[in-house]
């Protein structure tokens, strides 16, 4: 069973960072979605692995448990409506974060590999940068963090 928690945050991100730290080492995953002025649903993936082309951008951070006693890299996915972003745009949005692009697909979104021991603050900053930069709607200045902790 997974325990879900929801947190709204803005530029003060201490609670959000702690929430991401709580799912380290494969203990769960989280979604970051910008709060928008309009009543718009989050982008969703359907059973065919595609998402609707209408909705609010969402970043998902998934941690992985150790395998054979070794820490495993995590992944960060971004569902957005902009198609392929390209290497230069991704590098600009990463702003020096050491994430590696695994997928930049026009229909399935962006997937990044997150190195082991990346601080939660860096992960959250990247999630907020991508979601705010790729959002097609007027943002309120806050984000929603949904955290799912494996039980």
N, C-alpha and C. Protein backbone atom coordinates (compact mmCIF):
# COMPACT_ATOMS: atom_id res chain seq x y z
N UNK A 1 0.84 -1.18 0.00
CA UNK A 1 0.00 0.00 0.00
C UNK A 1 0.89 1.24 0.00
N UNK A 2 0.49 2.24 -0.77
CA UNK A 2 1.24 3.49 -0.86
C UNK A 2 0.55 4.58 -0.06
N UNK A 3 1.33 5.35 0.68
CA UNK A 3 0.79 6.48 1.43
C UNK A 3 1.02 7.73 0.61
N UNK A 4 -0.03 8.50 0.37
CA UNK A 4 0.04 9.71 -0.44
C UNK A 4 -0.05 10.94 0.46
N UNK A 5 0.78 11.93 0.16
CA UNK A 5 0.65 13.23 0.84
C UNK A 5 0.70 14.32 -0.21
N UNK A 6 0.07 15.42 0.09
CA UNK A 6 0.01 16.56 -0.82
C UNK A 6 0.52 17.80 -0.10
N UNK A 7 1.32 18.58 -0.81
CA UNK A 7 1.91 19.79 -0.24
C UNK A 7 1.91 20.86 -1.32
N UNK A 8 1.51 22.07 -0.95
CA UNK A 8 1.61 23.21 -1.86
C UNK A 8 2.76 24.08 -1.35
N UNK A 9 3.58 24.55 -2.28
CA UNK A 9 4.75 25.36 -1.89
C UNK A 9 5.02 26.40 -2.96
N UNK A 10 5.82 27.40 -2.59
CA UNK A 10 6.23 28.44 -3.54
C UNK A 10 7.75 28.52 -3.52
N UNK A 11 8.28 29.68 -3.31
CA UNK A 11 9.74 29.85 -3.28
C UNK A 11 10.36 29.30 -2.00
N UNK A 12 9.59 29.21 -0.93
CA UNK A 12 10.06 28.58 0.31
C UNK A 12 9.83 27.08 0.14
N UNK A 13 10.94 26.35 -0.03
CA UNK A 13 10.82 24.95 -0.45
C UNK A 13 11.32 23.94 0.58
N UNK A 14 11.58 24.34 1.81
CA UNK A 14 12.15 23.44 2.80
C UNK A 14 11.29 22.20 3.03
N UNK A 15 9.96 22.37 3.18
CA UNK A 15 9.09 21.22 3.41
C UNK A 15 9.06 20.30 2.18
N UNK A 16 9.08 20.88 1.00
CA UNK A 16 9.08 20.09 -0.23
C UNK A 16 10.37 19.28 -0.35
N UNK A 17 11.50 19.89 0.00
CA UNK A 17 12.78 19.17 -0.04
C UNK A 17 12.75 18.01 0.94
N UNK A 18 12.24 18.22 2.15
CA UNK A 18 12.15 17.14 3.14
C UNK A 18 11.23 16.02 2.64
N UNK A 19 10.18 16.38 1.95
CA UNK A 19 9.26 15.37 1.42
C UNK A 19 9.97 14.50 0.37
N UNK A 20 10.77 15.12 -0.49
CA UNK A 20 11.53 14.35 -1.48
C UNK A 20 12.59 13.50 -0.80
N UNK A 21 13.23 14.02 0.22
CA UNK A 21 14.22 13.23 0.96
C UNK A 21 13.58 11.99 1.59
N UNK A 22 12.31 12.09 1.95
CA UNK A 22 11.64 10.96 2.61
C UNK A 22 11.41 9.76 1.70
N UNK A 23 11.55 9.95 0.39
CA UNK A 23 11.33 8.84 -0.53
C UNK A 23 12.64 8.34 -1.16
N UNK A 24 13.77 8.76 -0.61
CA UNK A 24 15.08 8.36 -1.15
C UNK A 24 15.24 6.85 -1.09
N UNK A 25 16.20 6.35 -1.84
CA UNK A 25 16.58 4.93 -1.83
C UNK A 25 15.42 3.98 -2.14
N UNK A 26 14.58 4.39 -3.07
CA UNK A 26 13.52 3.49 -3.51
C UNK A 26 12.28 3.46 -2.66
N UNK A 27 12.11 4.42 -1.78
CA UNK A 27 10.95 4.41 -0.90
C UNK A 27 9.70 5.01 -1.53
N UNK A 28 9.80 5.53 -2.77
CA UNK A 28 8.60 6.08 -3.39
C UNK A 28 8.88 6.96 -4.58
N UNK A 29 7.90 7.79 -4.89
CA UNK A 29 8.00 8.71 -6.01
C UNK A 29 7.18 9.95 -5.70
N UNK A 30 7.35 10.99 -6.52
CA UNK A 30 6.58 12.21 -6.33
C UNK A 30 6.31 12.90 -7.66
N UNK A 31 5.26 13.69 -7.68
CA UNK A 31 4.90 14.50 -8.84
C UNK A 31 4.92 15.96 -8.43
N UNK A 32 5.43 16.82 -9.31
CA UNK A 32 5.38 18.26 -9.11
C UNK A 32 4.57 18.84 -10.28
N UNK A 33 3.54 19.61 -9.93
CA UNK A 33 2.65 20.22 -10.91
C UNK A 33 2.47 21.69 -10.53
N UNK A 34 2.66 22.60 -11.49
CA UNK A 34 2.41 24.00 -11.16
C UNK A 34 0.92 24.26 -10.96
N UNK A 35 0.59 25.07 -9.98
CA UNK A 35 -0.79 25.50 -9.80
C UNK A 35 -1.06 26.58 -10.85
N UNK A 36 -2.18 26.47 -11.55
CA UNK A 36 -2.51 27.40 -12.62
C UNK A 36 -3.82 28.13 -12.32
N UNK A 37 -3.99 29.27 -12.99
CA UNK A 37 -5.18 30.11 -12.77
C UNK A 37 -6.46 29.41 -13.24
N UNK A 38 -6.39 28.72 -14.37
CA UNK A 38 -7.56 28.07 -14.94
C UNK A 38 -7.79 26.70 -14.32
N UNK A 39 -9.00 26.18 -14.47
CA UNK A 39 -9.31 24.84 -14.00
C UNK A 39 -8.94 23.85 -15.11
N UNK A 40 -7.70 23.36 -15.06
CA UNK A 40 -7.18 22.47 -16.10
C UNK A 40 -6.65 21.22 -15.41
N UNK A 41 -6.92 20.06 -15.98
CA UNK A 41 -6.41 18.80 -15.44
C UNK A 41 -4.91 18.67 -15.69
N UNK A 42 -4.24 17.83 -14.90
CA UNK A 42 -2.84 17.49 -15.15
C UNK A 42 -2.77 16.62 -16.40
N UNK A 43 -1.65 16.69 -17.11
CA UNK A 43 -1.43 15.75 -18.21
C UNK A 43 -1.44 14.34 -17.64
N UNK A 44 -2.03 13.40 -18.34
CA UNK A 44 -2.14 12.02 -17.88
C UNK A 44 -1.66 11.07 -18.96
N UNK A 45 -1.02 10.00 -18.57
CA UNK A 45 -0.64 8.95 -19.50
C UNK A 45 -1.78 7.94 -19.55
N UNK A 46 -2.17 7.51 -20.77
CA UNK A 46 -3.22 6.51 -20.85
C UNK A 46 -2.61 5.13 -21.03
N UNK A 47 -3.41 4.13 -21.18
CA UNK A 47 -2.93 2.74 -21.24
C UNK A 47 -2.06 2.46 -22.46
N UNK A 48 -2.08 3.29 -23.48
CA UNK A 48 -1.25 3.09 -24.67
C UNK A 48 0.13 3.74 -24.53
N UNK A 49 0.38 4.36 -23.36
CA UNK A 49 1.67 5.02 -23.16
C UNK A 49 1.71 6.40 -23.75
N UNK A 50 0.58 6.94 -24.13
CA UNK A 50 0.50 8.29 -24.70
C UNK A 50 -0.26 9.16 -23.70
N UNK A 51 -0.08 10.46 -23.80
CA UNK A 51 -0.85 11.34 -22.95
C UNK A 51 -1.70 12.24 -23.81
N UNK A 52 -2.69 12.84 -23.18
CA UNK A 52 -3.51 13.80 -23.91
C UNK A 52 -2.63 15.01 -24.21
N UNK A 53 -2.93 15.72 -25.27
CA UNK A 53 -2.12 16.88 -25.62
C UNK A 53 -2.63 18.15 -24.96
N UNK A 54 -3.46 17.98 -23.95
CA UNK A 54 -4.06 19.11 -23.26
C UNK A 54 -3.97 18.85 -21.76
N UNK A 55 -3.39 19.80 -21.04
CA UNK A 55 -3.30 19.65 -19.59
C UNK A 55 -2.07 20.36 -19.06
N UNK A 56 -1.93 20.35 -17.76
CA UNK A 56 -0.83 21.04 -17.08
C UNK A 56 0.38 20.11 -17.02
N UNK A 57 1.54 20.65 -17.34
CA UNK A 57 2.80 19.91 -17.34
C UNK A 57 3.02 19.28 -15.96
N UNK A 58 3.64 18.09 -15.96
CA UNK A 58 3.91 17.40 -14.70
C UNK A 58 5.29 16.77 -14.75
N UNK A 59 6.04 16.90 -13.65
CA UNK A 59 7.34 16.25 -13.51
C UNK A 59 7.20 15.16 -12.45
N UNK A 60 7.76 13.97 -12.74
CA UNK A 60 7.68 12.83 -11.84
C UNK A 60 9.08 12.34 -11.53
N UNK A 61 9.39 12.24 -10.24
CA UNK A 61 10.68 11.75 -9.77
C UNK A 61 10.45 10.39 -9.13
N UNK A 62 11.15 9.37 -9.64
CA UNK A 62 10.99 8.00 -9.15
C UNK A 62 12.32 7.51 -8.62
N UNK A 63 12.32 7.12 -7.34
CA UNK A 63 13.56 6.59 -6.74
C UNK A 63 13.57 5.08 -6.87
N UNK A 64 14.77 4.52 -6.90
CA UNK A 64 14.92 3.07 -7.05
C UNK A 64 15.65 2.50 -5.83
N UNK A 65 15.24 1.31 -5.40
CA UNK A 65 15.92 0.69 -4.26
C UNK A 65 17.30 0.15 -4.67
N UNK A 66 18.11 -0.11 -3.68
CA UNK A 66 19.43 -0.71 -3.93
C UNK A 66 19.26 -2.05 -4.62
N UNK A 67 20.25 -2.41 -5.44
CA UNK A 67 20.28 -3.71 -6.08
C UNK A 67 21.65 -4.32 -5.81
N UNK A 68 21.66 -5.49 -5.23
CA UNK A 68 22.91 -6.17 -4.84
C UNK A 68 23.78 -5.28 -3.96
N UNK A 69 23.13 -4.52 -3.08
CA UNK A 69 23.85 -3.66 -2.15
C UNK A 69 24.36 -2.36 -2.75
N UNK A 70 24.01 -2.09 -4.01
CA UNK A 70 24.49 -0.87 -4.65
C UNK A 70 23.33 0.09 -4.89
N UNK A 71 23.56 1.37 -4.57
CA UNK A 71 22.55 2.40 -4.82
C UNK A 71 22.33 2.52 -6.33
N UNK A 72 21.09 2.77 -6.72
CA UNK A 72 20.72 2.87 -8.13
C UNK A 72 20.31 4.30 -8.47
N UNK A 73 20.62 4.75 -9.70
CA UNK A 73 20.17 6.08 -10.09
C UNK A 73 18.64 6.14 -10.15
N UNK A 74 18.11 7.31 -9.93
CA UNK A 74 16.67 7.53 -10.01
C UNK A 74 16.34 8.08 -11.39
N UNK A 75 15.07 8.33 -11.63
CA UNK A 75 14.68 8.93 -12.91
C UNK A 75 13.71 10.08 -12.68
N UNK A 76 13.74 11.00 -13.61
CA UNK A 76 12.85 12.16 -13.58
C UNK A 76 12.22 12.28 -14.95
N UNK A 77 10.90 12.20 -15.00
CA UNK A 77 10.18 12.32 -16.25
C UNK A 77 9.37 13.61 -16.28
N UNK A 78 9.21 14.18 -17.47
CA UNK A 78 8.43 15.40 -17.62
C UNK A 78 7.42 15.19 -18.75
N UNK A 79 6.14 15.23 -18.43
CA UNK A 79 5.07 15.21 -19.42
C UNK A 79 4.75 16.65 -19.77
N UNK A 80 4.84 16.97 -21.05
CA UNK A 80 4.57 18.35 -21.50
C UNK A 80 4.03 18.30 -22.91
N UNK A 81 3.58 19.42 -23.42
CA UNK A 81 2.94 19.47 -24.73
C UNK A 81 3.83 20.11 -25.79
N UNK A 82 5.11 20.24 -25.55
CA UNK A 82 6.00 20.96 -26.46
C UNK A 82 6.73 20.09 -27.47
N UNK A 83 6.50 18.79 -27.51
CA UNK A 83 7.22 17.92 -28.42
C UNK A 83 8.65 17.73 -27.95
N UNK A 84 9.55 17.38 -28.85
CA UNK A 84 10.96 17.21 -28.48
C UNK A 84 11.55 18.56 -28.08
N UNK A 85 12.36 18.55 -27.03
CA UNK A 85 12.97 19.79 -26.56
C UNK A 85 14.34 20.03 -27.19
N UNK A 86 15.08 18.99 -27.46
CA UNK A 86 16.41 19.14 -28.04
C UNK A 86 17.48 19.31 -26.97
N UNK A 87 18.71 18.95 -27.31
CA UNK A 87 19.82 18.96 -26.36
C UNK A 87 20.09 20.32 -25.76
N UNK A 88 20.07 21.36 -26.58
CA UNK A 88 20.41 22.71 -26.09
C UNK A 88 19.37 23.21 -25.09
N UNK A 89 18.09 23.02 -25.41
CA UNK A 89 17.03 23.47 -24.50
C UNK A 89 17.07 22.69 -23.19
N UNK A 90 17.27 21.38 -23.28
CA UNK A 90 17.36 20.56 -22.06
C UNK A 90 18.53 21.02 -21.21
N UNK A 91 19.69 21.24 -21.82
CA UNK A 91 20.87 21.70 -21.07
C UNK A 91 20.60 23.05 -20.42
N UNK A 92 19.91 23.93 -21.12
CA UNK A 92 19.57 25.24 -20.56
C UNK A 92 18.68 25.09 -19.33
N UNK A 93 17.66 24.23 -19.42
CA UNK A 93 16.74 24.03 -18.30
C UNK A 93 17.41 23.32 -17.13
N UNK A 94 18.35 22.42 -17.42
CA UNK A 94 19.07 21.72 -16.35
C UNK A 94 20.01 22.65 -15.60
N UNK A 95 20.49 23.68 -16.26
CA UNK A 95 21.35 24.70 -15.64
C UNK A 95 22.49 24.09 -14.82
N UNK A 96 23.16 23.11 -15.42
CA UNK A 96 24.32 22.50 -14.76
C UNK A 96 24.04 21.27 -13.92
N UNK A 97 22.77 20.95 -13.69
CA UNK A 97 22.46 19.72 -12.93
C UNK A 97 22.98 18.53 -13.73
N UNK A 98 23.59 17.54 -13.06
CA UNK A 98 24.27 16.46 -13.76
C UNK A 98 23.36 15.32 -14.23
N UNK A 99 22.18 15.63 -14.71
CA UNK A 99 21.25 14.61 -15.16
C UNK A 99 21.55 14.26 -16.62
N UNK A 100 21.34 12.99 -16.97
CA UNK A 100 21.58 12.54 -18.33
C UNK A 100 20.24 12.27 -19.01
N UNK A 101 20.11 12.72 -20.25
CA UNK A 101 18.89 12.50 -21.00
C UNK A 101 18.81 11.06 -21.48
N UNK A 102 17.77 10.36 -21.07
CA UNK A 102 17.52 9.00 -21.53
C UNK A 102 16.56 9.02 -22.71
N UNK A 103 15.58 9.93 -22.67
CA UNK A 103 14.57 10.00 -23.72
C UNK A 103 14.10 11.44 -23.89
N UNK A 104 14.01 11.90 -25.12
CA UNK A 104 13.41 13.18 -25.47
C UNK A 104 12.50 12.89 -26.65
N UNK A 105 11.28 12.45 -26.33
CA UNK A 105 10.36 11.95 -27.35
C UNK A 105 9.20 12.90 -27.54
N UNK A 106 8.79 13.09 -28.78
CA UNK A 106 7.71 14.03 -29.07
C UNK A 106 6.36 13.59 -28.51
N UNK A 107 6.16 12.29 -28.31
CA UNK A 107 4.88 11.79 -27.80
C UNK A 107 4.94 11.24 -26.38
N UNK A 108 6.12 10.79 -25.92
CA UNK A 108 6.21 10.17 -24.59
C UNK A 108 6.91 11.05 -23.57
N UNK A 109 7.36 12.23 -23.98
CA UNK A 109 7.95 13.16 -23.04
C UNK A 109 9.43 12.98 -22.82
N UNK A 110 9.92 13.61 -21.80
CA UNK A 110 11.34 13.65 -21.46
C UNK A 110 11.60 12.75 -20.26
N UNK A 111 12.67 11.95 -20.33
CA UNK A 111 13.08 11.14 -19.18
C UNK A 111 14.57 11.39 -18.95
N UNK A 112 14.90 11.71 -17.71
CA UNK A 112 16.28 11.99 -17.31
C UNK A 112 16.72 10.98 -16.27
N UNK A 113 17.99 10.57 -16.34
CA UNK A 113 18.58 9.77 -15.28
C UNK A 113 19.16 10.70 -14.24
N UNK A 114 18.85 10.46 -12.98
CA UNK A 114 19.32 11.27 -11.86
C UNK A 114 20.40 10.48 -11.12
N UNK A 115 21.63 11.00 -11.08
CA UNK A 115 22.71 10.26 -10.44
C UNK A 115 22.44 9.98 -8.96
N UNK A 116 23.03 8.89 -8.48
CA UNK A 116 22.96 8.53 -7.07
C UNK A 116 23.49 9.70 -6.24
N UNK A 117 22.90 9.94 -5.09
CA UNK A 117 23.31 10.96 -4.12
C UNK A 117 23.07 12.39 -4.60
N UNK A 118 22.23 12.59 -5.62
CA UNK A 118 21.86 13.95 -6.01
C UNK A 118 21.00 14.54 -4.89
N UNK A 119 21.35 15.72 -4.38
CA UNK A 119 20.56 16.32 -3.30
C UNK A 119 19.11 16.57 -3.72
N UNK A 120 18.19 16.37 -2.80
CA UNK A 120 16.76 16.58 -3.07
C UNK A 120 16.49 18.01 -3.52
N UNK A 121 17.23 18.97 -3.01
CA UNK A 121 17.04 20.37 -3.43
C UNK A 121 17.31 20.54 -4.92
N UNK A 122 18.34 19.88 -5.43
CA UNK A 122 18.66 19.96 -6.86
C UNK A 122 17.54 19.32 -7.68
N UNK A 123 17.05 18.17 -7.24
CA UNK A 123 15.95 17.49 -7.93
C UNK A 123 14.73 18.41 -7.98
N UNK A 124 14.36 18.98 -6.84
CA UNK A 124 13.19 19.86 -6.78
C UNK A 124 13.38 21.09 -7.65
N UNK A 125 14.55 21.70 -7.61
CA UNK A 125 14.80 22.88 -8.44
C UNK A 125 14.63 22.56 -9.92
N UNK A 126 15.15 21.41 -10.35
CA UNK A 126 15.00 21.01 -11.76
C UNK A 126 13.53 20.77 -12.09
N UNK A 127 12.81 20.11 -11.20
CA UNK A 127 11.39 19.85 -11.44
C UNK A 127 10.61 21.16 -11.58
N UNK A 128 10.90 22.12 -10.71
CA UNK A 128 10.21 23.40 -10.76
C UNK A 128 10.59 24.20 -12.01
N UNK A 129 11.85 24.16 -12.39
CA UNK A 129 12.29 24.87 -13.60
C UNK A 129 11.61 24.31 -14.84
N UNK A 130 11.61 22.99 -14.98
CA UNK A 130 10.98 22.38 -16.15
C UNK A 130 9.49 22.67 -16.17
N UNK A 131 8.80 22.49 -15.05
CA UNK A 131 7.35 22.67 -15.07
C UNK A 131 6.96 24.12 -15.29
N UNK A 132 7.69 25.06 -14.72
CA UNK A 132 7.34 26.47 -14.95
C UNK A 132 7.69 26.91 -16.37
N UNK A 133 8.80 26.43 -16.90
CA UNK A 133 9.22 26.82 -18.25
C UNK A 133 8.35 26.22 -19.34
N UNK A 134 7.78 25.05 -19.09
CA UNK A 134 7.01 24.35 -20.12
C UNK A 134 5.50 24.44 -19.91
N UNK A 135 5.08 25.20 -18.91
CA UNK A 135 3.65 25.33 -18.61
C UNK A 135 2.97 26.22 -19.66
N UNK A 136 1.85 25.75 -20.18
CA UNK A 136 1.09 26.48 -21.20
C UNK A 136 0.01 27.38 -20.61
N UNK A 137 -0.08 27.44 -19.30
CA UNK A 137 -1.15 28.19 -18.64
C UNK A 137 -0.56 29.22 -17.68
N UNK A 138 -1.37 30.18 -17.30
CA UNK A 138 -0.94 31.21 -16.36
C UNK A 138 -0.77 30.58 -14.98
N UNK A 139 0.44 30.65 -14.44
CA UNK A 139 0.74 30.04 -13.14
C UNK A 139 0.38 30.99 -12.00
N UNK A 140 0.09 30.40 -10.83
CA UNK A 140 -0.23 31.19 -9.63
C UNK A 140 1.03 31.54 -8.83
N UNK A 141 2.16 30.87 -9.13
CA UNK A 141 3.38 31.08 -8.36
C UNK A 141 3.62 30.00 -7.33
N UNK A 142 2.72 29.01 -7.30
CA UNK A 142 2.91 27.89 -6.37
C UNK A 142 2.87 26.59 -7.19
N UNK A 143 3.34 25.52 -6.53
CA UNK A 143 3.33 24.19 -7.11
C UNK A 143 2.65 23.25 -6.12
N UNK A 144 2.19 22.11 -6.65
CA UNK A 144 1.66 21.03 -5.82
C UNK A 144 2.66 19.88 -5.89
N UNK A 145 3.01 19.34 -4.74
CA UNK A 145 3.89 18.17 -4.66
C UNK A 145 3.07 17.03 -4.08
N UNK A 146 2.86 15.99 -4.90
CA UNK A 146 2.20 14.77 -4.45
C UNK A 146 3.28 13.74 -4.22
N UNK A 147 3.40 13.27 -3.00
CA UNK A 147 4.43 12.30 -2.64
C UNK A 147 3.75 10.96 -2.33
N UNK A 148 4.31 9.90 -2.90
CA UNK A 148 3.79 8.55 -2.70
C UNK A 148 4.90 7.73 -2.06
N UNK A 149 4.67 7.31 -0.84
CA UNK A 149 5.66 6.53 -0.11
C UNK A 149 5.22 5.08 -0.07
N UNK A 150 6.10 4.20 -0.55
CA UNK A 150 5.76 2.78 -0.57
C UNK A 150 5.67 2.25 0.86
N UNK A 151 4.64 1.49 1.11
CA UNK A 151 4.41 1.01 2.45
C UNK A 151 4.66 -0.45 2.64
